[in-house]
């Protein structure tokens, strides 16, 4: 019995979907980060503010790292040199 042949583009579509979702989650974690600073401005009891802010920070970390896991090593290695401050002012080689 032969295994079915799966076209390469099926794997790429799946990977592309994961990368897009990962980037979305990493950006969306900023909502929880912003909520951490906005929650104390509400007229709520102090205990509620502390619990809500802490929960927002924890959710931010979970969502951010979930997105990072989905993005994977490929995107990290692609942008690693661009994010390194040592390389910001170097002349680019042609």
PDB file of N, CA and C in Angstrom:
ATOM      1  N   UNK A   1       0.838  -1.171   0.000  1.00  0.00           N
ATOM      2  CA  UNK A   1       0.000   0.000   0.000  1.00  0.00           C
ATOM      3  C   UNK A   1       0.888   1.241   0.000  1.00  0.00           C
ATOM      4  N   UNK A   2       0.621   2.144  -0.926  1.00  0.00           N
ATOM      5  CA  UNK A   2       1.426   3.352  -1.051  1.00  0.00           C
ATOM      6  C   UNK A   2       0.794   4.503  -0.269  1.00  0.00           C
ATOM      7  N   UNK A   3       1.650   5.331   0.263  1.00  0.00           N
ATOM      8  CA  UNK A   3       1.184   6.515   0.960  1.00  0.00           C
ATOM      9  C   UNK A   3       0.806   7.584  -0.054  1.00  0.00           C
ATOM     10  N   UNK A   4      -0.207   8.380   0.246  1.00  0.00           N
ATOM     11  CA  UNK A   4      -0.587   9.442  -0.693  1.00  0.00           C
ATOM     12  C   UNK A   4       0.481  10.530  -0.737  1.00  0.00           C
ATOM     13  N   UNK A   5       0.649  11.098  -1.894  1.00  0.00           N
ATOM     14  CA  UNK A   5       1.623  12.167  -2.079  1.00  0.00           C
ATOM     15  C   UNK A   5       0.930  13.494  -1.763  1.00  0.00           C
ATOM     16  N   UNK A   6       1.532  14.230  -0.838  1.00  0.00           N
ATOM     17  CA  UNK A   6       0.976  15.521  -0.444  1.00  0.00           C
ATOM     18  C   UNK A   6       1.819  16.606  -1.096  1.00  0.00           C
ATOM     19  N   UNK A   7       1.186  17.516  -1.835  1.00  0.00           N
ATOM     20  CA  UNK A   7       1.949  18.589  -2.475  1.00  0.00           C
ATOM     21  C   UNK A   7       2.651  19.477  -1.441  1.00  0.00           C
ATOM     22  N   UNK A   8       3.787  20.046  -1.854  1.00  0.00           N
ATOM     23  CA  UNK A   8       4.575  20.894  -0.974  1.00  0.00           C
ATOM     24  C   UNK A   8       3.820  22.126  -0.521  1.00  0.00           C
ATOM     25  N   UNK A   9       2.984  22.673  -1.394  1.00  0.00           N
ATOM     26  CA  UNK A   9       2.302  23.919  -1.038  1.00  0.00           C
ATOM     27  C   UNK A   9       1.312  23.735   0.108  1.00  0.00           C
ATOM     28  N   UNK A  10       0.865  22.512   0.391  1.00  0.00           N
ATOM     29  CA  UNK A  10      -0.018  22.273   1.533  1.00  0.00           C
ATOM     30  C   UNK A  10       0.740  22.538   2.824  1.00  0.00           C
ATOM     31  N   UNK A  11       1.994  22.092   2.892  1.00  0.00           N
ATOM     32  CA  UNK A  11       2.802  22.335   4.082  1.00  0.00           C
ATOM     33  C   UNK A  11       3.119  23.821   4.221  1.00  0.00           C
ATOM     34  N   UNK A  12       3.378  24.503   3.125  1.00  0.00           N
ATOM     35  CA  UNK A  12       3.701  25.930   3.172  1.00  0.00           C
ATOM     36  C   UNK A  12       2.492  26.748   3.618  1.00  0.00           C
ATOM     37  N   UNK A  13       1.297  26.371   3.159  1.00  0.00           N
ATOM     38  CA  UNK A  13       0.098  27.088   3.587  1.00  0.00           C
ATOM     39  C   UNK A  13      -0.108  26.927   5.085  1.00  0.00           C
ATOM     40  N   UNK A  14       0.131  25.713   5.592  1.00  0.00           N
ATOM     41  CA  UNK A  14      -0.007  25.465   7.021  1.00  0.00           C
ATOM     42  C   UNK A  14       1.017  26.285   7.803  1.00  0.00           C
ATOM     43  N   UNK A  15       2.246  26.322   7.327  1.00  0.00           N
ATOM     44  CA  UNK A  15       3.299  27.077   7.992  1.00  0.00           C
ATOM     45  C   UNK A  15       3.008  28.567   7.919  1.00  0.00           C
ATOM     46  N   UNK A  16       2.533  29.049   6.773  1.00  0.00           N
ATOM     47  CA  UNK A  16       2.204  30.454   6.605  1.00  0.00           C
ATOM     48  C   UNK A  16       1.097  30.861   7.574  1.00  0.00           C
ATOM     49  N   UNK A  17       0.120  30.013   7.762  1.00  0.00           N
ATOM     50  CA  UNK A  17      -0.979  30.261   8.690  1.00  0.00           C
ATOM     51  C   UNK A  17      -0.448  30.367  10.111  1.00  0.00           C
ATOM     52  N   UNK A  18       0.478  29.496  10.479  1.00  0.00           N
ATOM     53  CA  UNK A  18       1.058  29.532  11.821  1.00  0.00           C
ATOM     54  C   UNK A  18       1.842  30.815  12.048  1.00  0.00           C
ATOM     55  N   UNK A  19       2.585  31.238  11.060  1.00  0.00           N
ATOM     56  CA  UNK A  19       3.390  32.449  11.196  1.00  0.00           C
ATOM     57  C   UNK A  19       2.480  33.672  11.333  1.00  0.00           C
ATOM     58  N   UNK A  20       1.438  33.748  10.522  1.00  0.00           N
ATOM     59  CA  UNK A  20       0.514  34.881  10.614  1.00  0.00           C
ATOM     60  C   UNK A  20      -0.180  34.915  11.972  1.00  0.00           C
ATOM     61  N   UNK A  21      -0.610  33.765  12.455  1.00  0.00           N
ATOM     62  CA  UNK A  21      -1.250  33.704  13.762  1.00  0.00           C
ATOM     63  C   UNK A  21      -0.262  34.087  14.865  1.00  0.00           C
ATOM     64  N   UNK A  22       0.978  33.627  14.748  1.00  0.00           N
ATOM     65  CA  UNK A  22       1.996  33.961  15.734  1.00  0.00           C
ATOM     66  C   UNK A  22       2.274  35.450  15.793  1.00  0.00           C
ATOM     67  N   UNK A  23       2.385  36.083  14.635  1.00  0.00           N
ATOM     68  CA  UNK A  23       2.622  37.532  14.596  1.00  0.00           C
ATOM     69  C   UNK A  23       1.414  38.269  15.172  1.00  0.00           C
ATOM     70  N   UNK A  24       0.207  37.811  14.832  1.00  0.00           N
ATOM     71  CA  UNK A  24      -1.001  38.440  15.376  1.00  0.00           C
ATOM     72  C   UNK A  24      -1.018  38.342  16.897  1.00  0.00           C
ATOM     73  N   UNK A  25      -0.692  37.167  17.441  1.00  0.00           N
ATOM     74  CA  UNK A  25      -0.702  37.004  18.893  1.00  0.00           C
ATOM     75  C   UNK A  25       0.336  37.881  19.567  1.00  0.00           C
ATOM     76  N   UNK A  26       1.503  38.008  18.945  1.00  0.00           N
ATOM     77  CA  UNK A  26       2.543  38.845  19.532  1.00  0.00           C
ATOM     78  C   UNK A  26       2.121  40.306  19.544  1.00  0.00           C
ATOM     79  N   UNK A  27       1.442  40.756  18.502  1.00  0.00           N
ATOM     80  CA  UNK A  27       0.962  42.136  18.467  1.00  0.00           C
ATOM     81  C   UNK A  27      -0.224  42.311  19.423  1.00  0.00           C
ATOM     82  N   UNK A  28      -1.104  41.327  19.447  1.00  0.00           N
ATOM     83  CA  UNK A  28      -2.291  41.390  20.298  1.00  0.00           C
ATOM     84  C   UNK A  28      -1.940  41.405  21.781  1.00  0.00           C
ATOM     85  N   UNK A  29      -0.784  40.885  22.139  1.00  0.00           N
ATOM     86  CA  UNK A  29      -0.380  40.910  23.548  1.00  0.00           C
ATOM     87  C   UNK A  29      -0.213  42.340  24.036  1.00  0.00           C
ATOM     88  N   UNK A  30      -0.018  43.279  23.126  1.00  0.00           N
ATOM     89  CA  UNK A  30       0.068  44.686  23.495  1.00  0.00           C
ATOM     90  C   UNK A  30      -1.220  45.220  24.097  1.00  0.00           C
ATOM     91  N   UNK A  31      -2.352  44.614  23.734  1.00  0.00           N
ATOM     92  CA  UNK A  31      -3.632  45.025  24.314  1.00  0.00           C
ATOM     93  C   UNK A  31      -3.627  44.760  25.815  1.00  0.00           C
ATOM     94  N   UNK A  32      -3.132  43.587  26.203  1.00  0.00           N
ATOM     95  CA  UNK A  32      -3.065  43.259  27.625  1.00  0.00           C
ATOM     96  C   UNK A  32      -2.046  44.137  28.346  1.00  0.00           C
ATOM     97  N   UNK A  33      -0.966  44.469  27.650  1.00  0.00           N
ATOM     98  CA  UNK A  33       0.035  45.354  28.236  1.00  0.00           C
ATOM     99  C   UNK A  33      -0.563  46.737  28.493  1.00  0.00           C
ATOM    100  N   UNK A  34      -1.305  47.256  27.528  1.00  0.00           N
ATOM    101  CA  UNK A  34      -1.953  48.560  27.695  1.00  0.00           C
ATOM    102  C   UNK A  34      -3.005  48.510  28.801  1.00  0.00           C
ATOM    103  N   UNK A  35      -3.715  47.396  28.881  1.00  0.00           N
ATOM    104  CA  UNK A  35      -4.742  47.254  29.914  1.00  0.00           C
ATOM    105  C   UNK A  35      -4.130  47.322  31.310  1.00  0.00           C
ATOM    106  N   UNK A  36      -2.894  46.859  31.443  1.00  0.00           N
ATOM    107  CA  UNK A  36      -2.219  46.908  32.735  1.00  0.00           C
ATOM    108  C   UNK A  36      -2.101  48.338  33.244  1.00  0.00           C
ATOM    109  N   UNK A  37      -1.909  49.290  32.343  1.00  0.00           N
ATOM    110  CA  UNK A  37      -1.780  50.693  32.745  1.00  0.00           C
ATOM    111  C   UNK A  37      -3.128  51.412  32.815  1.00  0.00           C
ATOM    112  N   UNK A  38      -4.127  50.902  32.114  1.00  0.00           N
ATOM    113  CA  UNK A  38      -5.437  51.546  32.095  1.00  0.00           C
ATOM    114  C   UNK A  38      -6.299  51.102  33.279  1.00  0.00           C
ATOM    115  N   UNK A  39      -6.171  49.863  33.695  1.00  0.00           N
ATOM    116  CA  UNK A  39      -7.009  49.315  34.774  1.00  0.00           C
ATOM    117  C   UNK A  39      -6.931  50.151  36.056  1.00  0.00           C
ATOM    118  N   UNK A  40      -5.751  50.601  36.502  1.00  0.00           N
ATOM    119  CA  UNK A  40      -5.717  51.390  37.747  1.00  0.00           C
ATOM    120  C   UNK A  40      -6.486  52.712  37.674  1.00  0.00           C
ATOM    121  N   UNK A  41      -6.806  53.185  36.490  1.00  0.00           N
ATOM    122  CA  UNK A  41      -7.540  54.445  36.360  1.00  0.00           C
ATOM    123  C   UNK A  41      -9.043  54.282  36.580  1.00  0.00           C
ATOM    124  N   UNK A  42      -9.529  53.054  36.586  1.00  0.00           N
ATOM    125  CA  UNK A  42     -10.958  52.825  36.802  1.00  0.00           C
ATOM    126  C   UNK A  42     -11.307  52.995  38.269  1.00  0.00           C
ATOM    127  N   UNK A  43     -12.557  53.301  38.511  1.00  0.00           N
ATOM    128  CA  UNK A  43     -13.047  53.489  39.871  1.00  0.00           C
ATOM    129  C   UNK A  43     -13.466  52.121  40.429  1.00  0.00           C
ATOM    130  N   UNK A  44     -12.479  51.335  40.814  1.00  0.00           N
ATOM    131  CA  UNK A  44     -12.698  49.988  41.349  1.00  0.00           C
ATOM    132  C   UNK A  44     -11.982  49.870  42.690  1.00  0.00           C
ATOM    133  N   UNK A  45     -12.370  48.899  43.496  1.00  0.00           N
ATOM    134  CA  UNK A  45     -11.623  48.663  44.744  1.00  0.00           C
ATOM    135  C   UNK A  45     -10.168  48.288  44.431  1.00  0.00           C
ATOM    136  N   UNK A  46      -9.292  48.623  45.343  1.00  0.00           N
ATOM    137  CA  UNK A  46      -7.865  48.392  45.135  1.00  0.00           C
ATOM    138  C   UNK A  46      -7.561  46.918  44.885  1.00  0.00           C
ATOM    139  N   UNK A  47      -8.201  46.041  45.631  1.00  0.00           N
ATOM    140  CA  UNK A  47      -7.969  44.607  45.475  1.00  0.00           C
ATOM    141  C   UNK A  47      -8.313  44.157  44.045  1.00  0.00           C
ATOM    142  N   UNK A  48      -9.406  44.663  43.514  1.00  0.00           N
ATOM    143  CA  UNK A  48      -9.826  44.317  42.151  1.00  0.00           C
ATOM    144  C   UNK A  48      -8.826  44.842  41.125  1.00  0.00           C
ATOM    145  N   UNK A  49      -8.325  46.061  41.339  1.00  0.00           N
ATOM    146  CA  UNK A  49      -7.337  46.633  40.427  1.00  0.00           C
ATOM    147  C   UNK A  49      -6.062  45.803  40.396  1.00  0.00           C
ATOM    148  N   UNK A  50      -5.606  45.387  41.572  1.00  0.00           N
ATOM    149  CA  UNK A  50      -4.369  44.598  41.650  1.00  0.00           C
ATOM    150  C   UNK A  50      -4.546  43.250  40.967  1.00  0.00           C
ATOM    151  N   UNK A  51      -5.656  42.592  41.220  1.00  0.00           N
ATOM    152  CA  UNK A  51      -5.911  41.274  40.609  1.00  0.00           C
ATOM    153  C   UNK A  51      -6.044  41.410  39.092  1.00  0.00           C
ATOM    154  N   UNK A  52      -6.776  42.426  38.635  1.00  0.00           N
ATOM    155  CA  UNK A  52      -6.978  42.614  37.195  1.00  0.00           C
ATOM    156  C   UNK A  52      -5.664  42.970  36.497  1.00  0.00           C
ATOM    157  N   UNK A  53      -4.855  43.827  37.109  1.00  0.00           N
ATOM    158  CA  UNK A  53      -3.570  44.199  36.501  1.00  0.00           C
ATOM    159  C   UNK A  53      -2.625  43.013  36.435  1.00  0.00           C
ATOM    160  N   UNK A  54      -2.579  42.241  37.502  1.00  0.00           N
ATOM    161  CA  UNK A  54      -1.713  41.049  37.517  1.00  0.00           C
ATOM    162  C   UNK A  54      -2.169  40.033  36.483  1.00  0.00           C
ATOM    163  N   UNK A  55      -3.471  39.821  36.404  1.00  0.00           N
ATOM    164  CA  UNK A  55      -4.015  38.894  35.407  1.00  0.00           C
ATOM    165  C   UNK A  55      -3.693  39.377  33.992  1.00  0.00           C
ATOM    166  N   UNK A  56      -3.785  40.679  33.784  1.00  0.00           N
ATOM    167  CA  UNK A  56      -3.481  41.239  32.470  1.00  0.00           C
ATOM    168  C   UNK A  56      -2.005  41.010  32.107  1.00  0.00           C
ATOM    169  N   UNK A  57      -1.112  41.188  33.065  1.00  0.00           N
ATOM    170  CA  UNK A  57       0.311  40.950  32.801  1.00  0.00           C
ATOM    171  C   UNK A  57       0.585  39.478  32.480  1.00  0.00           C
ATOM    172  N   UNK A  58      -0.037  38.590  33.242  1.00  0.00           N
ATOM    173  CA  UNK A  58       0.164  37.158  32.993  1.00  0.00           C
ATOM    174  C   UNK A  58      -0.378  36.771  31.621  1.00  0.00           C
ATOM    175  N   UNK A  59      -1.572  37.267  31.288  1.00  0.00           N
ATOM    176  CA  UNK A  59      -2.141  36.980  29.970  1.00  0.00           C
ATOM    177  C   UNK A  59      -1.269  37.532  28.853  1.00  0.00           C
ATOM    178  N   UNK A  60      -0.701  38.715  29.072  1.00  0.00           N
ATOM    179  CA  UNK A  60       0.182  39.294  28.067  1.00  0.00           C
ATOM    180  C   UNK A  60       1.363  38.365  27.787  1.00  0.00           C
ATOM    181  N   UNK A  61       1.994  37.880  28.845  1.00  0.00           N
ATOM    182  CA  UNK A  61       3.144  36.989  28.672  1.00  0.00           C
ATOM    183  C   UNK A  61       2.744  35.687  27.979  1.00  0.00           C
ATOM    184  N   UNK A  62       1.633  35.110  28.385  1.00  0.00           N
ATOM    185  CA  UNK A  62       1.193  33.842  27.791  1.00  0.00           C
ATOM    186  C   UNK A  62       0.890  34.020  26.306  1.00  0.00           C
ATOM    187  N   UNK A  63       0.175  35.088  25.960  1.00  0.00           N
ATOM    188  CA  UNK A  63      -0.182  35.329  24.560  1.00  0.00           C
ATOM    189  C   UNK A  63       1.074  35.634  23.742  1.00  0.00           C
ATOM    190  N   UNK A  64       1.985  36.444  24.287  1.00  0.00           N
ATOM    191  CA  UNK A  64       3.207  36.793  23.559  1.00  0.00           C
ATOM    192  C   UNK A  64       4.061  35.560  23.283  1.00  0.00           C
ATOM    193  N   UNK A  65       4.298  34.750  24.296  1.00  0.00           N
ATOM    194  CA  UNK A  65       5.150  33.581  24.092  1.00  0.00           C
ATOM    195  C   UNK A  65       4.464  32.502  23.262  1.00  0.00           C
ATOM    196  N   UNK A  66       3.148  32.430  23.316  1.00  0.00           N
ATOM    197  CA  UNK A  66       2.435  31.497  22.415  1.00  0.00           C
ATOM    198  C   UNK A  66       2.652  31.915  20.970  1.00  0.00           C
ATOM    199  N   UNK A  67       2.575  33.206  20.721  1.00  0.00           N
ATOM    200  CA  UNK A  67       2.852  33.707  19.371  1.00  0.00           C
ATOM    201  C   UNK A  67       4.286  33.454  18.966  1.00  0.00           C
ATOM    202  N   UNK A  68       5.216  33.630  19.906  1.00  0.00           N
ATOM    203  CA  UNK A  68       6.625  33.363  19.614  1.00  0.00           C
ATOM    204  C   UNK A  68       6.876  31.910  19.258  1.00  0.00           C
ATOM    205  N   UNK A  69       6.191  31.009  19.928  1.00  0.00           N
ATOM    206  CA  UNK A  69       6.344  29.587  19.604  1.00  0.00           C
ATOM    207  C   UNK A  69       5.787  29.269  18.223  1.00  0.00           C
ATOM    208  N   UNK A  70       4.684  29.910  17.863  1.00  0.00           N
ATOM    209  CA  UNK A  70       4.109  29.672  16.539  1.00  0.00           C
ATOM    210  C   UNK A  70       4.970  30.256  15.425  1.00  0.00           C
ATOM    211  N   UNK A  71       5.573  31.407  15.676  1.00  0.00           N
ATOM    212  CA  UNK A  71       6.417  32.036  14.657  1.00  0.00           C
ATOM    213  C   UNK A  71       7.619  31.148  14.368  1.00  0.00           C
ATOM    214  N   UNK A  72       8.239  30.643  15.393  1.00  0.00           N
ATOM    215  CA  UNK A  72       9.307  29.677  15.222  1.00  0.00           C
ATOM    216  C   UNK A  72      10.678  30.274  15.017  1.00  0.00           C
ATOM    217  N   UNK A  73      11.614  29.378  14.879  1.00  0.00           N
ATOM    218  CA  UNK A  73      13.019  29.733  14.784  1.00  0.00           C
ATOM    219  C   UNK A  73      13.352  30.452  13.479  1.00  0.00           C
ATOM    220  N   UNK A  74      12.647  30.114  12.408  1.00  0.00           N
ATOM    221  CA  UNK A  74      12.969  30.690  11.104  1.00  0.00           C
ATOM    222  C   UNK A  74      12.856  32.212  11.113  1.00  0.00           C
ATOM    223  N   UNK A  75      11.727  32.702  11.614  1.00  0.00           N
ATOM    224  CA  UNK A  75      11.528  34.145  11.638  1.00  0.00           C
ATOM    225  C   UNK A  75      12.478  34.807  12.626  1.00  0.00           C
ATOM    226  N   UNK A  76      12.746  34.124  13.726  1.00  0.00           N
ATOM    227  CA  UNK A  76      13.676  34.679  14.711  1.00  0.00           C
ATOM    228  C   UNK A  76      15.060  34.847  14.104  1.00  0.00           C
ATOM    229  N   UNK A  77      15.560  33.839  13.428  1.00  0.00           N
ATOM    230  CA  UNK A  77      16.897  33.947  12.835  1.00  0.00           C
ATOM    231  C   UNK A  77      16.921  34.959  11.698  1.00  0.00           C
ATOM    232  N   UNK A  78      15.800  35.128  11.025  1.00  0.00           N
ATOM    233  CA  UNK A  78      15.737  36.092   9.919  1.00  0.00           C
ATOM    234  C   UNK A  78      15.914  37.518  10.426  1.00  0.00           C
ATOM    235  N   UNK A  79      15.309  37.835  11.545  1.00  0.00           N
ATOM    236  CA  UNK A  79      15.342  39.198  12.058  1.00  0.00           C
ATOM    237  C   UNK A  79      16.334  39.411  13.205  1.00  0.00           C
ATOM    238  N   UNK A  80      17.053  38.385  13.574  1.00  0.00           N
ATOM    239  CA  UNK A  80      17.974  38.488  14.708  1.00  0.00           C
ATOM    240  C   UNK A  80      19.011  39.577  14.492  1.00  0.00           C
ATOM    241  N   UNK A  81      19.608  39.633  13.332  1.00  0.00           N
ATOM    242  CA  UNK A  81      20.620  40.646  13.059  1.00  0.00           C
ATOM    243  C   UNK A  81      20.027  42.042  12.987  1.00  0.00           C
ATOM    244  N   UNK A  82      18.791  42.161  12.526  1.00  0.00           N
ATOM    245  CA  UNK A  82      18.161  43.477  12.455  1.00  0.00           C
ATOM    246  C   UNK A  82      17.827  44.018  13.837  1.00  0.00           C
ATOM    247  N   UNK A  83      17.567  43.152  14.784  1.00  0.00           N
ATOM    248  CA  UNK A  83      17.210  43.581  16.129  1.00  0.00           C
ATOM    249  C   UNK A  83      18.423  43.803  17.027  1.00  0.00           C
ATOM    250  N   UNK A  84      19.589  43.400  16.582  1.00  0.00           N
ATOM    251  CA  UNK A  84      20.801  43.549  17.370  1.00  0.00           C
ATOM    252  C   UNK A  84      21.313  44.985  17.234  1.00  0.00           C
ATOM    253  N   UNK A  85      21.418  45.747  18.345  1.00  0.00           N
ATOM    254  CA  UNK A  85      21.848  47.148  18.257  1.00  0.00           C
ATOM    255  C   UNK A  85      23.251  47.324  17.671  1.00  0.00           C
ATOM    256  N   UNK A  86      24.103  46.322  17.761  1.00  0.00           N
ATOM    257  CA  UNK A  86      25.446  46.421  17.187  1.00  0.00           C
ATOM    258  C   UNK A  86      25.400  46.618  15.675  1.00  0.00           C
ATOM    259  N   UNK A  87      24.388  46.076  15.046  1.00  0.00           N
ATOM    260  CA  UNK A  87      24.305  46.099  13.583  1.00  0.00           C
ATOM    261  C   UNK A  87      23.511  47.278  13.034  1.00  0.00           C
ATOM    262  N   UNK A  88      23.002  48.148  13.879  1.00  0.00           N
ATOM    263  CA  UNK A  88      22.155  49.236  13.407  1.00  0.00           C
ATOM    264  C   UNK A  88      22.898  50.265  12.579  1.00  0.00           C
ATOM    265  N   UNK A  89      24.145  50.545  12.910  1.00  0.00           N
ATOM    266  CA  UNK A  89      24.886  51.617  12.231  1.00  0.00           C
ATOM    267  C   UNK A  89      25.993  51.101  11.333  1.00  0.00           C
ATOM    268  N   UNK A  90      26.063  49.810  11.118  1.00  0.00           N
ATOM    269  CA  UNK A  90      27.065  49.248  10.212  1.00  0.00           C
ATOM    270  C   UNK A  90      26.653  49.497   8.779  1.00  0.00           C
ATOM    271  N   UNK A  91      27.679  49.678   7.947  1.00  0.00           N
ATOM    272  CA  UNK A  91      27.404  49.816   6.514  1.00  0.00           C
ATOM    273  C   UNK A  91      27.057  48.440   5.961  1.00  0.00           C
ATOM    274  N   UNK A  92      26.058  48.401   5.116  1.00  0.00           N
ATOM    275  CA  UNK A  92      25.647  47.145   4.533  1.00  0.00           C
ATOM    276  C   UNK A  92      26.563  46.765   3.400  1.00  0.00           C
ATOM    277  N   UNK A  93      26.935  45.481   3.377  1.00  0.00           N
ATOM    278  CA  UNK A  93      27.776  44.981   2.295  1.00  0.00           C
ATOM    279  C   UNK A  93      26.916  44.667   1.084  1.00  0.00           C
ATOM    280  N   UNK A  94      27.442  44.972  -0.062  1.00  0.00           N
ATOM    281  CA  UNK A  94      26.687  44.742  -1.299  1.00  0.00           C
ATOM    282  C   UNK A  94      27.049  43.418  -1.891  1.00  0.00           C
TER     283      UNK A  94
END
